[in-house]
């Protein structure tokens, strides 16, 4: 098992790019690794539930749902 630090800097202005670090963390978890997510810049606003819930990336599920799943599985976030 490896620990990964995954960073993201996109926020509500580009929901598809904003979800990419979260999807990467989800994939790392499924592969048995221990991801950590580091959010900077505009991505910091994703930690506000109303903003995350309003973001629907193209081809992926809602950002708020993805965040709640990761938090529920114990993924650590640095903001």
Protein backbone atom coordinates (compact mmCIF):
# COMPACT_ATOMS: atom_id res chain seq x y z
CA UNK A 1 0.00 0.00 0.00
CA UNK A 2 1.22 3.48 -0.87
CA UNK A 3 0.19 6.92 0.35
CA UNK A 4 -0.63 9.45 -2.35
CA UNK A 5 -0.95 13.24 -2.02
CA UNK A 6 -3.31 14.40 -4.73
CA UNK A 7 -3.70 18.13 -5.35
CA UNK A 8 -6.44 20.12 -7.00
CA UNK A 9 -6.80 23.81 -7.78
CA UNK A 10 -9.99 24.05 -9.86
CA UNK A 11 -13.30 25.06 -8.34
CA UNK A 12 -16.85 25.87 -9.32
CA UNK A 13 -15.82 27.60 -12.56
CA UNK A 14 -14.86 24.19 -14.03
CA UNK A 15 -16.69 21.30 -12.30
CA UNK A 16 -15.17 18.66 -14.57
CA UNK A 17 -11.62 19.65 -13.67
CA UNK A 18 -12.60 20.17 -10.04
CA UNK A 19 -13.69 16.53 -9.63
CA UNK A 20 -10.52 15.00 -11.12
CA UNK A 21 -8.45 14.88 -7.90
CA UNK A 22 -11.44 13.38 -6.10
CA UNK A 23 -11.79 10.69 -8.76
CA UNK A 24 -8.07 9.99 -8.52
CA UNK A 25 -8.43 9.56 -4.76
CA UNK A 26 -11.41 7.23 -5.29
CA UNK A 27 -9.37 5.10 -7.68
CA UNK A 28 -6.44 4.96 -5.27
CA UNK A 29 -8.76 3.81 -2.48
CA UNK A 30 -10.25 1.10 -4.69
CA UNK A 31 -6.74 -0.10 -5.51
CA UNK A 32 -5.93 -0.45 -1.81
CA UNK A 33 -3.85 2.71 -1.38
CA UNK A 34 -4.14 5.56 1.09
CA UNK A 35 -4.86 8.85 -0.73
CA UNK A 36 -4.75 12.32 0.79
CA UNK A 37 -6.22 15.34 -1.01
CA UNK A 38 -4.65 18.81 -0.97
CA UNK A 39 -6.93 21.61 -2.20
CA UNK A 40 -5.55 25.05 -3.10
CA UNK A 41 -6.85 28.19 -4.77
CA UNK A 42 -10.39 27.94 -6.11
CA UNK A 43 -10.62 24.28 -5.06
CA UNK A 44 -10.85 25.36 -1.42
CA UNK A 45 -14.46 26.41 -2.05
CA UNK A 46 -15.35 22.79 -2.81
CA UNK A 47 -15.34 22.16 0.93
CA UNK A 48 -18.49 24.27 1.27
CA UNK A 49 -21.30 21.76 1.00
CA UNK A 50 -23.71 24.02 -0.92
CA UNK A 51 -21.07 24.73 -3.56
CA UNK A 52 -19.96 21.11 -3.91
CA UNK A 53 -23.57 19.93 -4.16
CA UNK A 54 -24.24 22.40 -6.99
CA UNK A 55 -21.40 21.06 -9.17
CA UNK A 56 -22.24 18.44 -11.77
CA UNK A 57 -19.19 17.54 -13.88
CA UNK A 58 -19.63 16.27 -17.42
CA UNK A 59 -19.72 12.47 -17.36
CA UNK A 60 -19.19 12.07 -13.60
CA UNK A 61 -21.38 12.15 -10.53
CA UNK A 62 -21.94 15.20 -8.37
CA UNK A 63 -18.89 16.67 -6.61
CA UNK A 64 -20.67 16.81 -3.23
CA UNK A 65 -21.52 13.10 -3.38
CA UNK A 66 -17.94 12.21 -4.25
CA UNK A 67 -16.57 14.34 -1.41
CA UNK A 68 -18.91 12.80 1.16
CA UNK A 69 -17.92 9.31 0.06
CA UNK A 70 -14.21 10.09 0.43
CA UNK A 71 -14.66 11.73 3.83
CA UNK A 72 -16.77 8.77 4.95
CA UNK A 73 -13.95 6.42 3.99
CA UNK A 74 -11.46 8.38 6.07
CA UNK A 75 -9.57 10.23 3.33
CA UNK A 76 -7.71 13.16 4.82
CA UNK A 77 -8.13 16.60 3.22
CA UNK A 78 -5.72 19.52 3.48
CA UNK A 79 -7.23 22.88 2.63
